[in-house]
Amino acid sequence: MIFEQGAAGGHAYVVDAGVVEISRSARGRTRVLGRIGPGGIFGEMALIDDAPRMARAVAVEDTMCLLVARERFRAKVDAADPLIQALLRIFCRNIRSLSGEG
């Protein structure tokens, strides 16, 4: 278990080795949203919009992830063009809305 659905987000993660499965539970059912392999990033949405994790992340094999701290991630986002910042917030809101959260 890397993080649970509904948990607060303190880090984003980059998969260095292995595979992480992202799944979401709603109405008593669990649905796999995807699998993240080496080079992939996950957990970033909670750092963009400060909302709880919308899914759970579980390593499905021996996995190593690089942690990206909230402060470092936010510094990068804050340094981006305001249009890019707005697009990131819109994307997060749309994804949460499509998942039934928003």
C-alpha atoms as a PDB file:
ATOM      1  CA  MET A   1       0.000   0.000   0.000  1.00  0.00           C
ATOM      2  CA  ILE A   2       1.393   3.385  -0.998  1.00  0.00           C
ATOM      3  CA  PHE A   3      -1.641   5.472  -0.098  1.00  0.00           C
ATOM      4  CA  GLU A   4      -5.363   5.031   0.532  1.00  0.00           C
ATOM      5  CA  GLN A   5      -8.250   6.716  -1.207  1.00  0.00           C
ATOM      6  CA  GLY A   6      -9.262   9.758   0.836  1.00  0.00           C
ATOM      7  CA  ALA A   7      -5.843  10.289   2.423  1.00  0.00           C
ATOM      8  CA  ALA A   8      -4.183  13.695   2.445  1.00  0.00           C
ATOM      9  CA  GLY A   9      -1.463  14.124  -0.172  1.00  0.00           C
ATOM     10  CA  GLY A  10       2.047  15.062   0.880  1.00  0.00           C
ATOM     11  CA  HIS A  11       3.995  13.668  -2.064  1.00  0.00           C
ATOM     12  CA  ALA A  12       3.771  12.846  -5.726  1.00  0.00           C
ATOM     13  CA  TYR A  13       5.544   9.668  -6.816  1.00  0.00           C
ATOM     14  CA  VAL A  14       7.657   8.700  -9.823  1.00  0.00           C
ATOM     15  CA  VAL A  15       7.951   4.955 -10.448  1.00  0.00           C
ATOM     16  CA  ASP A  16      11.625   4.051 -10.754  1.00  0.00           C
ATOM     17  CA  ALA A  17      11.060   0.279 -10.955  1.00  0.00           C
ATOM     18  CA  GLY A  18       8.042  -1.985 -10.674  1.00  0.00           C
ATOM     19  CA  VAL A  19       4.328  -1.389 -11.174  1.00  0.00           C
ATOM     20  CA  VAL A  20       1.755   0.553  -9.159  1.00  0.00           C
ATOM     21  CA  GLU A  21      -1.958  -0.118  -9.553  1.00  0.00           C
ATOM     22  CA  ILE A  22      -4.349   2.796  -9.105  1.00  0.00           C
ATOM     23  CA  SER A  23      -7.905   1.851  -8.080  1.00  0.00           C
ATOM     24  CA  ARG A  24     -10.997   3.643  -6.847  1.00  0.00           C
ATOM     25  CA  SER A  25     -13.838   2.404  -4.672  1.00  0.00           C
ATOM     26  CA  ALA A  26     -17.343   3.823  -5.001  1.00  0.00           C
ATOM     27  CA  ARG A  27     -20.774   2.441  -4.168  1.00  0.00           C
ATOM     28  CA  GLY A  28     -19.269  -0.767  -2.802  1.00  0.00           C
ATOM     29  CA  ARG A  29     -17.323  -1.524  -5.994  1.00  0.00           C
ATOM     30  CA  THR A  30     -13.627  -1.190  -6.719  1.00  0.00           C
ATOM     31  CA  ARG A  31     -12.449  -0.285 -10.205  1.00  0.00           C
ATOM     32  CA  VAL A  32      -8.856  -0.377 -11.443  1.00  0.00           C
ATOM     33  CA  LEU A  33      -8.112   2.939 -13.137  1.00  0.00           C
ATOM     34  CA  GLY A  34      -4.707   1.965 -14.442  1.00  0.00           C
ATOM     35  CA  ARG A  35      -1.208   0.717 -13.845  1.00  0.00           C
ATOM     36  CA  ILE A  36       1.830   2.950 -13.648  1.00  0.00           C
ATOM     37  CA  GLY A  37       5.230   1.603 -14.704  1.00  0.00           C
ATOM     38  CA  PRO A  38       8.759   2.994 -14.705  1.00  0.00           C
ATOM     39  CA  GLY A  39       8.902   6.688 -15.553  1.00  0.00           C
ATOM     40  CA  GLY A  40       5.233   7.232 -14.694  1.00  0.00           C
ATOM     41  CA  ILE A  41       4.014   9.713 -12.105  1.00  0.00           C
ATOM     42  CA  PHE A  42       1.039   9.453  -9.772  1.00  0.00           C
ATOM     43  CA  GLY A  43      -0.323  11.218  -6.717  1.00  0.00           C
ATOM     44  CA  GLU A  44       0.098  14.651  -8.267  1.00  0.00           C
ATOM     45  CA  MET A  45      -3.541  15.726  -8.250  1.00  0.00           C
ATOM     46  CA  ALA A  46      -3.706  16.057  -4.460  1.00  0.00           C
ATOM     47  CA  LEU A  47      -0.721  18.413  -4.666  1.00  0.00           C
ATOM     48  CA  ILE A  48      -2.292  20.554  -7.368  1.00  0.00           C
ATOM     49  CA  ASP A  49      -5.712  21.065  -5.805  1.00  0.00           C
ATOM     50  CA  ASP A  50      -5.085  20.186  -2.118  1.00  0.00           C
ATOM     51  CA  ALA A  51      -8.013  17.731  -2.154  1.00  0.00           C
ATOM     52  CA  PRO A  52      -7.810  14.215  -0.644  1.00  0.00           C
ATOM     53  CA  ARG A  53      -6.505  11.335  -2.754  1.00  0.00           C
ATOM     54  CA  MET A  54      -9.241  10.230  -5.157  1.00  0.00           C
ATOM     55  CA  ALA A  55      -7.877   6.694  -5.484  1.00  0.00           C
ATOM     56  CA  ARG A  56      -5.664   4.167  -3.775  1.00  0.00           C
ATOM     57  CA  ALA A  57      -2.165   3.263  -4.962  1.00  0.00           C
ATOM     58  CA  VAL A  58      -0.737  -0.225  -4.381  1.00  0.00           C
ATOM     59  CA  ALA A  59       2.540  -1.731  -5.567  1.00  0.00           C
ATOM     60  CA  VAL A  60       1.639  -4.957  -7.384  1.00  0.00           C
ATOM     61  CA  GLU A  61       5.234  -6.191  -7.562  1.00  0.00           C
ATOM     62  CA  ASP A  62       8.553  -5.156  -6.034  1.00  0.00           C
ATOM     63  CA  THR A  63       8.502  -1.428  -6.687  1.00  0.00           C
ATOM     64  CA  MET A  64      10.726   1.557  -6.032  1.00  0.00           C
ATOM     65  CA  CYS A  65       9.314   5.083  -6.218  1.00  0.00           C
ATOM     66  CA  LEU A  66      11.007   8.446  -6.029  1.00  0.00           C
ATOM     67  CA  LEU A  67       9.169  10.867  -3.749  1.00  0.00           C
ATOM     68  CA  VAL A  68       8.483  14.422  -4.857  1.00  0.00           C
ATOM     69  CA  ALA A  69       7.708  16.561  -1.802  1.00  0.00           C
ATOM     70  CA  ARG A  70       4.708  18.884  -1.865  1.00  0.00           C
ATOM     71  CA  GLU A  71       6.934  21.960  -1.435  1.00  0.00           C
ATOM     72  CA  ARG A  72       9.160  21.088  -4.396  1.00  0.00           C
ATOM     73  CA  PHE A  73       6.199  20.167  -6.583  1.00  0.00           C
ATOM     74  CA  ARG A  74       4.324  23.374  -5.671  1.00  0.00           C
ATOM     75  CA  ALA A  75       7.431  25.488  -6.356  1.00  0.00           C
ATOM     76  CA  LYS A  76       7.549  24.058  -9.889  1.00  0.00           C
ATOM     77  CA  VAL A  77       3.826  24.656 -10.454  1.00  0.00           C
ATOM     78  CA  ASP A  78       4.007  28.172  -8.978  1.00  0.00           C
ATOM     79  CA  ALA A  79       6.885  28.993 -11.342  1.00  0.00           C
ATOM     80  CA  ALA A  80       4.837  27.921 -14.371  1.00  0.00           C
ATOM     81  CA  ASP A  81       2.941  30.296 -16.623  1.00  0.00           C
ATOM     82  CA  PRO A  82      -0.433  31.316 -15.073  1.00  0.00           C
ATOM     83  CA  LEU A  83      -2.243  29.707 -18.034  1.00  0.00           C
ATOM     84  CA  ILE A  84      -0.567  26.372 -17.296  1.00  0.00           C
ATOM     85  CA  GLN A  85      -1.457  26.705 -13.605  1.00  0.00           C
ATOM     86  CA  ALA A  86      -5.105  27.352 -14.504  1.00  0.00           C
ATOM     87  CA  LEU A  87      -5.165  24.405 -16.920  1.00  0.00           C
ATOM     88  CA  LEU A  88      -3.796  22.064 -14.241  1.00  0.00           C
ATOM     89  CA  ARG A  89      -6.522  23.134 -11.801  1.00  0.00           C
ATOM     90  CA  ILE A  90      -9.193  22.706 -14.503  1.00  0.00           C
ATOM     91  CA  PHE A  91      -7.881  19.247 -15.433  1.00  0.00           C
ATOM     92  CA  CYS A  92      -7.950  18.163 -11.785  1.00  0.00           C
ATOM     93  CA  ARG A  93     -11.474  19.498 -11.300  1.00  0.00           C
ATOM     94  CA  ASN A  94     -12.668  17.733 -14.477  1.00  0.00           C
ATOM     95  CA  ILE A  95     -11.072  14.412 -13.524  1.00  0.00           C
ATOM     96  CA  ARG A  96     -12.569  14.560 -10.039  1.00  0.00           C
ATOM     97  CA  SER A  97     -15.956  15.466 -11.505  1.00  0.00           C
ATOM     98  CA  LEU A  98     -15.835  12.543 -13.967  1.00  0.00           C
ATOM     99  CA  SER A  99     -14.941  10.189 -11.124  1.00  0.00           C
ATOM    100  CA  GLY A 100     -18.014  11.245  -9.163  1.00  0.00           C
ATOM    101  CA  GLU A 101     -16.089  13.311  -6.613  1.00  0.00           C
ATOM    102  CA  GLY A 102     -16.814  16.778  -7.855  1.00  0.00           C
END
